[in-house]
Amino acid sequence: MSLLSVCTMFVCQAILLLVSCGTVLPLRDNQTSPQCSLQHPEETCGRKRMIYTDDDVDFKFQMPEKFDMEEIRDALLSPNGPGWIKLDGVYSQKDVEMARERVIYHTNTDYYMNKIEKHEENDEVHNNYKGLVWALLNKGRIFEKMVQHPIIVNVSNSILGQNSQISSLAANTVLPGMKGQTPHLDYPYYRNFLPADNPYILDDSPPLAVQFVTLLTDFSEENGGTAVRPGSHIKPRYPDDPKEFFDNAIQMTGKAGDVVIFAGAIQHCAMPNKSKMFRSGILQHMTPVYLKTFEDVAGYVSEMVKDRATPELRQILSLDHPYPILKS
């Protein structure tokens, strides 16, 4: 085969790839461009081009009108507190749109919603759908902004101690018809972590985690807003009896841009999505600096993000924390 024939063949293959998959976008915004797959082109090449870029992100923070630190501390720490509280309008509409766009992009939610609307087999759609997105800090500056909102940093430091840290960060999107979770406790309140002969050792411990749920869509009873059992955080107990949990639980509801804060020790679970639209939120799990994190967040964050990190982001990533010390 002549050199001219070989070159012609490769050019034709390249043209065919562009026609079947659409234009491959250049890498930008922390590697968020779609990558075409010859095996499943309709899933990866059918994603919509994102409207917002990193250049659209500003670091002007919106504050809710009714922010009261003492009210938050009382809700999460008082023996008579419910263990959770909702703050209205923590994030602007633009911030929510930028974050939701990237989450929907990385989960390819539009593609799966289209299959549901065409009444395709829901079990197959649900089994193939991956609603969790990890490593958000590498997926756009909007997430760098959101994790260091002054409310999140100040509430975490007030309840967990100075220099509190991100233990886990992910977005979760739930399609219509998807089932809920089994009631549970979050890390580090796992039973297998506790002494077998003293399982209630954490009853009198200081708070070991606070969860911040940022609503990227409205949360309602119909679409499966998180259920919590108020007061269950005071003496951490695993909800072994689901009926007892649901008999005493309430559902969190709110608008996109709201933030729900709840104690890490509270019994909770996601509920089934019985609506016709997806539900999406960001889960930011914060812990004291002396506790090993659930994820190695600082380990996976890109050097580019670390280099441009603000003092607040460096703090919650524990980038300057001196421990553990290596001695020789």
Protein backbone atom coordinates (compact mmCIF):
# COMPACT_ATOMS: atom_id res chain seq x y z
CA MET A 1 0.00 0.00 0.00
CA SER A 2 1.42 3.37 -0.98
CA LEU A 3 2.01 6.20 1.50
CA LEU A 4 -0.69 8.23 -0.25
CA SER A 5 -3.21 5.41 0.22
CA VAL A 6 -2.38 5.09 3.92
CA CYS A 7 -2.83 8.82 4.49
CA THR A 8 -6.11 8.83 2.58
CA MET A 9 -7.40 5.96 4.70
CA PHE A 10 -6.62 7.74 8.00
CA VAL A 11 -8.18 10.98 6.77
CA CYS A 12 -11.36 9.13 5.82
CA GLN A 13 -11.49 7.41 9.21
CA ALA A 14 -11.08 10.76 10.96
CA ILE A 15 -13.90 12.29 8.89
CA LEU A 16 -16.12 9.31 9.65
CA LEU A 17 -15.45 9.68 13.38
CA LEU A 18 -16.35 13.36 13.33
CA VAL A 19 -19.55 12.73 11.40
CA SER A 20 -20.73 9.90 13.67
CA CYS A 21 -19.78 11.44 17.00
CA GLY A 22 -19.88 15.18 16.46
CA THR A 23 -16.98 17.53 17.04
CA VAL A 24 -14.65 16.46 19.84
CA LEU A 25 -14.20 19.45 22.11
CA PRO A 26 -10.70 20.41 23.24
CA LEU A 27 -9.76 19.66 26.81
CA ARG A 28 -10.58 22.60 29.07
CA ASP A 29 -12.06 23.36 32.47
CA ASN A 30 -10.19 20.60 34.28
CA GLN A 31 -10.83 17.87 31.71
CA THR A 32 -14.57 18.13 31.36
CA SER A 33 -14.85 17.75 27.59
CA PRO A 34 -16.79 14.78 26.20
CA GLN A 35 -14.75 11.83 24.99
CA CYS A 36 -16.33 9.83 22.15
CA SER A 37 -16.60 6.07 22.49
CA LEU A 38 -16.87 3.90 19.40
CA GLN A 39 -18.57 1.23 21.52
CA HIS A 40 -21.30 3.48 22.93
CA PRO A 41 -21.21 6.70 20.90
CA GLU A 42 -24.78 7.61 21.72
CA GLU A 43 -23.98 7.74 25.44
CA THR A 44 -20.78 9.76 25.35
CA CYS A 45 -21.13 11.84 22.20
CA GLY A 46 -24.73 12.84 22.80
CA ARG A 47 -23.84 15.10 25.73
CA LYS A 48 -24.73 18.73 25.38
CA ARG A 49 -21.95 21.28 25.12
CA MET A 50 -21.67 23.13 28.42
CA ILE A 51 -22.68 26.78 28.46
CA TYR A 52 -20.53 27.94 31.38
CA THR A 53 -16.74 27.85 31.71
CA ASP A 54 -14.35 28.48 34.58
CA ASP A 55 -14.15 32.10 33.45
CA ASP A 56 -17.80 32.57 34.44
CA VAL A 57 -17.11 31.76 38.09
CA ASP A 58 -16.74 34.66 40.49
CA PHE A 59 -15.96 34.39 44.16
CA LYS A 60 -18.70 36.70 45.39
CA PHE A 61 -20.67 34.78 47.98
CA GLN A 62 -24.37 35.13 48.56
CA MET A 63 -25.52 35.11 52.19
CA PRO A 64 -29.01 34.10 53.33
CA GLU A 65 -31.08 36.79 54.98
CA LYS A 66 -31.64 34.79 58.16
CA PHE A 67 -28.21 33.47 59.10
CA ASP A 68 -27.83 32.89 62.83
CA MET A 69 -24.82 30.89 64.01
CA GLU A 70 -26.30 30.32 67.45
CA GLU A 71 -29.48 28.93 65.91
CA ILE A 72 -27.41 26.52 63.81
CA ARG A 73 -25.29 25.43 66.76
CA ASP A 74 -28.40 24.93 68.88
CA ALA A 75 -30.06 22.82 66.16
CA LEU A 76 -27.04 20.54 65.81
CA LEU A 77 -25.60 20.50 69.35
CA SER A 78 -28.40 21.05 71.84
CA PRO A 79 -29.82 17.92 73.55
CA ASN A 80 -33.25 19.21 72.50
CA GLY A 81 -32.19 20.18 68.98
CA PRO A 82 -33.47 18.33 65.91
CA GLY A 83 -29.96 17.65 64.57
CA TRP A 84 -30.55 19.45 61.28
CA ILE A 85 -31.44 22.85 59.84
CA LYS A 86 -32.11 24.34 56.39
CA LEU A 87 -30.66 27.65 55.21
CA ASP A 88 -32.54 29.33 52.37
CA GLY A 89 -30.81 30.81 49.34
CA VAL A 90 -27.16 30.15 50.20
CA TYR A 91 -26.19 29.99 46.52
CA SER A 92 -27.27 32.23 43.66
CA GLN A 93 -29.27 30.96 40.72
CA LYS A 94 -26.19 31.29 38.48
CA ASP A 95 -24.00 29.29 40.88
CA VAL A 96 -26.61 26.54 40.99
CA GLU A 97 -26.94 26.49 37.21
CA MET A 98 -23.17 26.23 36.72
CA ALA A 99 -22.82 23.39 39.22
CA ARG A 100 -25.89 21.51 38.03
CA GLU A 101 -24.78 21.76 34.40
CA ARG A 102 -21.49 20.05 35.19
CA VAL A 103 -23.08 17.38 37.36
CA ILE A 104 -25.64 16.56 34.67
CA TYR A 105 -22.87 16.53 32.09
CA HIS A 106 -20.72 14.05 34.02
CA THR A 107 -23.66 11.75 34.78
CA ASN A 108 -25.04 12.07 31.24
CA THR A 109 -28.44 12.59 32.88
CA ASP A 110 -30.04 14.14 29.79
CA TYR A 111 -29.40 10.94 27.85
CA TYR A 112 -31.01 8.76 30.51
CA MET A 113 -33.93 11.12 31.05
CA ASN A 114 -34.61 10.90 27.31
CA LYS A 115 -34.73 7.10 27.55
CA ILE A 116 -37.19 7.33 30.45
CA GLU A 117 -39.38 9.78 28.56
CA LYS A 118 -39.44 7.32 25.66
CA HIS A 119 -40.79 4.71 28.12
CA GLU A 120 -37.83 2.41 27.72
CA GLU A 121 -37.26 -0.31 30.31
CA ASN A 122 -36.65 1.56 33.57
CA ASP A 123 -34.76 -1.24 35.30
CA GLU A 124 -32.16 -1.27 32.53
CA VAL A 125 -31.89 2.52 32.56
CA HIS A 126 -31.47 2.63 36.34
CA ASN A 127 -28.89 -0.17 36.37
CA ASN A 128 -26.74 1.58 33.75
CA TYR A 129 -27.05 5.03 35.25
CA LYS A 130 -24.23 6.22 37.51
CA GLY A 131 -25.61 9.11 39.53
CA LEU A 132 -22.61 9.75 41.78
CA VAL A 133 -19.88 12.13 40.67
CA TRP A 134 -16.66 12.15 42.67
CA ALA A 135 -13.54 14.36 42.51
CA LEU A 136 -15.67 17.46 41.98
CA LEU A 137 -12.80 19.81 42.75
CA ASN A 138 -11.14 18.66 39.52
CA LYS A 139 -14.29 19.25 37.50
CA GLY A 140 -14.66 23.03 37.52
CA ARG A 141 -13.96 26.15 39.58
CA ILE A 142 -17.61 26.44 40.59
CA PHE A 143 -17.03 23.54 42.98
CA GLU A 144 -13.93 25.22 44.40
CA LYS A 145 -16.16 28.18 45.15
CA MET A 146 -19.03 26.21 46.63
CA VAL A 147 -16.98 24.13 49.07
CA GLN A 148 -15.44 27.21 50.67
CA HIS A 149 -18.61 29.22 51.14
CA PRO A 150 -18.11 31.24 54.37
CA ILE A 151 -21.16 29.58 55.94
CA ILE A 152 -19.72 26.10 55.37
CA VAL A 153 -16.28 27.05 56.64
CA ASN A 154 -17.50 28.99 59.68
CA VAL A 155 -20.15 26.48 60.74
CA SER A 156 -17.67 23.60 60.38
CA ASN A 157 -14.98 25.39 62.38
CA SER A 158 -17.49 26.37 65.07
CA ILE A 159 -18.86 22.86 65.56
CA LEU A 160 -15.91 20.62 64.68
CA GLY A 161 -13.01 22.82 65.77
CA GLN A 162 -10.66 25.16 63.97
CA ASN A 163 -9.14 23.83 60.77
CA SER A 164 -12.00 21.44 60.03
CA GLN A 165 -11.50 19.52 56.79
CA ILE A 166 -13.37 18.03 53.85
CA SER A 167 -13.79 14.32 54.45
CA SER A 168 -15.82 13.57 51.34
CA LEU A 169 -17.26 15.51 48.41
CA ALA A 170 -19.62 14.16 45.77
CA ALA A 171 -22.73 15.00 43.78
CA ASN A 172 -25.64 12.59 43.66
CA THR A 173 -28.38 12.62 41.05
CA VAL A 174 -31.43 10.35 41.29
CA LEU A 175 -33.60 9.59 38.26
CA PRO A 176 -37.39 9.28 38.34
CA GLY A 177 -38.43 5.85 39.57
CA MET A 178 -35.17 5.11 41.39
CA LYS A 179 -35.47 3.54 44.81
CA GLY A 180 -34.43 5.03 48.14
CA GLN A 181 -31.74 3.98 50.60
CA THR A 182 -31.79 1.88 53.72
CA PRO A 183 -31.66 4.12 56.83
CA HIS A 184 -28.08 4.48 58.01
CA LEU A 185 -25.41 6.58 59.73
CA ASP A 186 -22.54 8.20 57.87
CA TYR A 187 -18.81 7.86 58.43
CA PRO A 188 -17.27 7.72 61.02
CA TYR A 189 -20.24 6.34 62.96
CA TYR A 190 -19.81 2.80 61.62
CA ARG A 191 -20.41 0.04 64.12
CA ASN A 192 -17.37 -1.97 63.07
CA PHE A 193 -15.18 0.96 64.11
CA LEU A 194 -16.31 0.75 67.74
CA PRO A 195 -15.09 -1.52 70.55
CA ALA A 196 -17.22 -4.67 70.66
CA ASP A 197 -17.45 -4.49 74.46
CA ASN A 198 -18.29 -0.76 74.48
CA PRO A 199 -20.45 0.01 71.42
CA TYR A 200 -21.81 3.23 72.93
CA ILE A 201 -18.44 4.86 73.42
CA LEU A 202 -19.38 7.79 71.16
CA ASP A 203 -22.41 8.77 73.23
CA ASP A 204 -20.46 11.49 75.01
CA SER A 205 -17.96 12.34 72.30
CA PRO A 206 -17.77 15.73 70.58
CA PRO A 207 -19.28 15.93 67.08
CA LEU A 208 -17.18 14.00 64.58
CA ALA A 209 -18.88 15.06 61.35
CA VAL A 210 -21.24 17.59 59.81
CA GLN A 211 -22.93 17.04 56.44
CA PHE A 212 -23.83 19.90 54.10
CA VAL A 213 -26.33 19.09 51.35
CA THR A 214 -26.50 21.72 48.62
CA LEU A 215 -29.71 21.46 46.64
CA LEU A 216 -29.07 21.69 42.88
CA THR A 217 -32.75 21.00 42.21
CA ASP A 218 -35.78 21.44 44.40
CA PHE A 219 -36.16 18.69 47.01
CA SER A 220 -39.71 17.53 47.71
CA GLU A 221 -41.47 14.62 49.33
CA GLU A 222 -42.44 13.41 45.86
CA ASN A 223 -38.93 13.41 44.40
CA GLY A 224 -37.41 11.76 47.45
CA GLY A 225 -35.89 14.50 49.58
CA THR A 226 -33.64 13.07 52.31
CA ALA A 227 -35.43 11.62 55.33
CA VAL A 228 -33.97 12.23 58.80
CA ARG A 229 -34.99 11.16 62.29
CA PRO A 230 -34.84 14.31 64.44
CA GLY A 231 -32.98 13.93 67.71
CA SER A 232 -31.32 10.64 66.76
CA HIS A 233 -27.88 12.30 66.72
CA ILE A 234 -27.72 12.78 70.50
CA LYS A 235 -26.98 9.11 71.22
CA PRO A 236 -25.73 7.64 67.95
CA ARG A 237 -27.52 4.35 67.21
CA TYR A 238 -27.67 2.46 63.95
CA PRO A 239 -31.29 2.35 62.66
CA ASP A 240 -31.70 -1.42 62.66
CA ASP A 241 -35.49 -1.18 62.62
CA PRO A 242 -36.55 0.59 59.38
CA LYS A 243 -40.18 0.76 60.49
CA GLU A 244 -39.24 2.58 63.67
CA PHE A 245 -37.09 4.96 61.62
CA PHE A 246 -39.80 5.81 59.09
CA ASP A 247 -42.44 6.16 61.81
CA ASN A 248 -40.35 8.93 63.38
CA ALA A 249 -38.67 10.47 60.33
CA ILE A 250 -39.42 13.64 58.39
CA GLN A 251 -38.31 14.60 54.89
CA MET A 252 -36.09 17.55 54.04
CA THR A 253 -37.61 19.81 51.42
CA GLY A 254 -36.28 22.98 49.88
CA LYS A 255 -35.46 25.01 46.79
CA ALA A 256 -32.42 24.84 44.54
CA GLY A 257 -29.70 26.94 46.17
CA ASP A 258 -30.73 26.05 49.72
CA VAL A 259 -28.32 24.18 51.99
CA VAL A 260 -29.36 21.57 54.54
CA ILE A 261 -26.95 21.02 57.43
CA PHE A 262 -27.21 17.95 59.59
CA ALA A 263 -25.18 16.28 62.30
CA GLY A 264 -23.08 13.38 61.08
CA ALA A 265 -24.56 11.11 63.73
CA ILE A 266 -28.19 11.57 62.66
CA GLN A 267 -30.13 8.65 61.19
CA HIS A 268 -31.07 9.38 57.59
CA CYS A 269 -31.63 8.01 54.10
CA ALA A 270 -32.52 9.12 50.58
CA MET A 271 -36.12 8.43 49.64
CA PRO A 272 -37.56 7.04 46.36
CA ASN A 273 -38.00 9.48 43.51
CA LYS A 274 -41.68 9.23 42.59
CA SER A 275 -41.69 12.37 40.43
CA LYS A 276 -41.09 12.75 36.71
CA MET A 277 -37.87 14.75 37.11
CA PHE A 278 -34.42 13.99 38.48
CA ARG A 279 -33.23 15.16 41.91
CA SER A 280 -29.66 16.36 42.38
CA GLY A 281 -27.51 17.66 45.20
CA ILE A 282 -23.93 18.06 46.41
CA LEU A 283 -22.86 16.21 49.54
CA GLN A 284 -20.02 17.84 51.47
CA HIS A 285 -18.92 15.85 54.51
CA MET A 286 -16.78 17.77 57.02
CA THR A 287 -14.79 16.35 59.94
CA PRO A 288 -12.34 17.59 62.59
CA VAL A 289 -8.76 17.88 61.42
CA TYR A 290 -7.68 15.09 63.79
CA LEU A 291 -9.91 12.48 62.11
CA LYS A 292 -8.84 10.43 59.10
CA THR A 293 -10.98 11.49 56.14
CA PHE A 294 -13.39 9.21 54.29
CA GLU A 295 -11.78 10.11 50.95
CA ASP A 296 -8.22 11.13 50.18
CA VAL A 297 -9.54 14.45 48.89
CA ALA A 298 -6.23 16.31 49.14
CA GLY A 299 -4.55 13.40 47.38
CA TYR A 300 -6.71 13.48 44.26
CA VAL A 301 -7.02 17.25 43.87
CA SER A 302 -4.99 18.42 40.89
CA GLU A 303 -1.86 20.50 41.31
CA MET A 304 -3.55 23.29 39.36
CA VAL A 305 -6.33 23.50 41.96
CA LYS A 306 -3.81 23.39 44.82
CA ASP A 307 -1.66 26.12 43.28
CA ARG A 308 -4.56 28.56 42.99
CA ALA A 309 -6.27 27.58 46.25
CA THR A 310 -7.34 30.38 48.58
CA PRO A 311 -6.34 30.21 52.27
CA GLU A 312 -9.85 28.91 53.04
CA LEU A 313 -9.60 26.12 50.48
CA ARG A 314 -6.12 25.20 51.68
CA GLN A 315 -7.51 24.96 55.20
CA ILE A 316 -10.40 22.64 54.41
CA LEU A 317 -8.10 20.50 52.24
CA SER A 318 -5.61 20.36 55.16
CA LEU A 319 -2.81 21.17 52.72
CA ASP A 320 -0.76 22.87 55.43
CA HIS A 321 -1.60 20.45 58.26
CA PRO A 322 1.75 19.20 59.63
CA TYR A 323 0.65 15.72 60.69
CA PRO A 324 1.47 12.89 60.44
CA ILE A 325 5.14 13.70 60.98
CA LEU A 326 7.81 11.55 59.39
CA LYS A 327 10.79 11.13 61.74
CA SER A 328 13.93 9.21 61.13
